Amino acid sequence: MASGYVTEYESTWNEQTVMREQFVARHIGHDTTWTRYSVDRAPANQPEPPSDQMTVASEPPRVVGL
């Protein structure tokens, strides 16, 4: 949603002068004093991953030096 005004100007195309209109936006977006909305900031409910397909390691594998 935008509010603004319309201006008219002359444009030349193919050696003809035509009148054209241009919309100039002064404000873009909704008006918070008139728009009613609610914001839900509850954490997303994510399912638990299946535990039978995952391996759990408490320590990283040991690295052997040369």
C-alpha atoms as a PDB file:
ATOM      1  CA  MET A   1       0.000   0.000   0.000  1.00  0.00           C
ATOM      2  CA  ALA A   2       1.360   3.409  -0.899  1.00  0.00           C
ATOM      3  CA  SER A   3       0.169   6.993  -0.640  1.00  0.00           C
ATOM      4  CA  GLY A   4       1.386   9.860  -2.767  1.00  0.00           C
ATOM      5  CA  TYR A   5       0.480  11.996  -5.750  1.00  0.00           C
ATOM      6  CA  VAL A   6       0.395  11.844  -9.567  1.00  0.00           C
ATOM      7  CA  THR A   7       2.410  14.194 -11.773  1.00  0.00           C
ATOM      8  CA  GLU A   8       1.958  14.717 -15.514  1.00  0.00           C
ATOM      9  CA  TYR A   9       4.843  15.222 -17.915  1.00  0.00           C
ATOM     10  CA  GLU A  10       5.483  15.328 -21.661  1.00  0.00           C
ATOM     11  CA  SER A  11       7.427  12.573 -23.369  1.00  0.00           C
ATOM     12  CA  THR A  12       8.616  12.351 -26.958  1.00  0.00           C
ATOM     13  CA  TRP A  13       8.457   8.980 -28.704  1.00  0.00           C
ATOM     14  CA  ASN A  14       8.679   8.375 -32.458  1.00  0.00           C
ATOM     15  CA  GLU A  15       8.691  12.146 -33.010  1.00  0.00           C
ATOM     16  CA  GLN A  16       5.355  12.501 -31.196  1.00  0.00           C
ATOM     17  CA  THR A  17       4.808  14.319 -27.951  1.00  0.00           C
ATOM     18  CA  VAL A  18       2.511  12.504 -25.526  1.00  0.00           C
ATOM     19  CA  MET A  19       1.353  13.318 -22.006  1.00  0.00           C
ATOM     20  CA  ARG A  20       2.219  10.712 -19.422  1.00  0.00           C
ATOM     21  CA  GLU A  21       1.505  10.263 -15.703  1.00  0.00           C
ATOM     22  CA  GLN A  22       3.878   9.277 -12.939  1.00  0.00           C
ATOM     23  CA  PHE A  23       2.931   8.191  -9.414  1.00  0.00           C
ATOM     24  CA  VAL A  24       5.264   9.552  -6.735  1.00  0.00           C
ATOM     25  CA  ALA A  25       5.046   7.605  -3.473  1.00  0.00           C
ATOM     26  CA  ARG A  26       5.389   9.578  -0.253  1.00  0.00           C
ATOM     27  CA  HIS A  27       4.760   6.672   2.088  1.00  0.00           C
ATOM     28  CA  ILE A  28       5.054   2.945   1.423  1.00  0.00           C
ATOM     29  CA  GLY A  29       3.694   0.393   3.878  1.00  0.00           C
ATOM     30  CA  HIS A  30       0.784  -0.026   6.230  1.00  0.00           C
ATOM     31  CA  ASP A  31      -0.355   2.582   8.726  1.00  0.00           C
ATOM     32  CA  THR A  32       0.155   1.129  12.205  1.00  0.00           C
ATOM     33  CA  THR A  33      -2.547   3.353  13.694  1.00  0.00           C
ATOM     34  CA  TRP A  34      -5.201   1.830  11.400  1.00  0.00           C
ATOM     35  CA  THR A  35      -3.943  -1.685  10.754  1.00  0.00           C
ATOM     36  CA  ARG A  36      -4.814  -4.305  13.368  1.00  0.00           C
ATOM     37  CA  TYR A  37      -2.497  -7.281  13.589  1.00  0.00           C
ATOM     38  CA  SER A  38      -1.023  -9.605  16.177  1.00  0.00           C
ATOM     39  CA  VAL A  39       2.475 -11.015  16.474  1.00  0.00           C
ATOM     40  CA  ASP A  40       3.038 -14.611  17.578  1.00  0.00           C
ATOM     41  CA  ARG A  41       6.550 -14.975  18.974  1.00  0.00           C
ATOM     42  CA  ALA A  42       6.076 -18.452  20.400  1.00  0.00           C
ATOM     43  CA  PRO A  43       9.002 -20.773  19.671  1.00  0.00           C
ATOM     44  CA  ALA A  44       8.507 -23.071  16.733  1.00  0.00           C
ATOM     45  CA  ASN A  45       7.414 -26.581  17.639  1.00  0.00           C
ATOM     46  CA  GLN A  46      10.034 -28.866  16.096  1.00  0.00           C
ATOM     47  CA  PRO A  47       9.729 -32.651  16.202  1.00  0.00           C
ATOM     48  CA  GLU A  48      12.426 -34.655  17.964  1.00  0.00           C
ATOM     49  CA  PRO A  49      14.819 -36.484  15.626  1.00  0.00           C
ATOM     50  CA  PRO A  50      14.565 -40.289  15.655  1.00  0.00           C
ATOM     51  CA  SER A  51      17.121 -41.633  18.134  1.00  0.00           C
ATOM     52  CA  ASP A  52      17.476 -45.079  16.534  1.00  0.00           C
ATOM     53  CA  GLN A  53      19.138 -43.586  13.428  1.00  0.00           C
ATOM     54  CA  MET A  54      21.675 -41.478  15.304  1.00  0.00           C
ATOM     55  CA  THR A  55      24.915 -42.509  16.941  1.00  0.00           C
ATOM     56  CA  VAL A  56      25.937 -40.592  20.028  1.00  0.00           C
ATOM     57  CA  ALA A  57      29.617 -40.137  20.766  1.00  0.00           C
ATOM     58  CA  SER A  58      30.764 -38.680  24.035  1.00  0.00           C
ATOM     59  CA  GLU A  59      34.410 -38.255  22.951  1.00  0.00           C
ATOM     60  CA  PRO A  60      35.952 -37.480  19.574  1.00  0.00           C
ATOM     61  CA  PRO A  61      38.105 -40.244  18.054  1.00  0.00           C
ATOM     62  CA  ARG A  62      41.721 -40.236  19.206  1.00  0.00           C
ATOM     63  CA  VAL A  63      44.302 -38.932  16.771  1.00  0.00           C
ATOM     64  CA  VAL A  64      47.513 -40.944  16.476  1.00  0.00           C
ATOM     65  CA  GLY A  65      50.623 -38.917  15.795  1.00  0.00           C
ATOM     66  CA  LEU A  66      53.463 -40.085  13.570  1.00  0.00           C
END
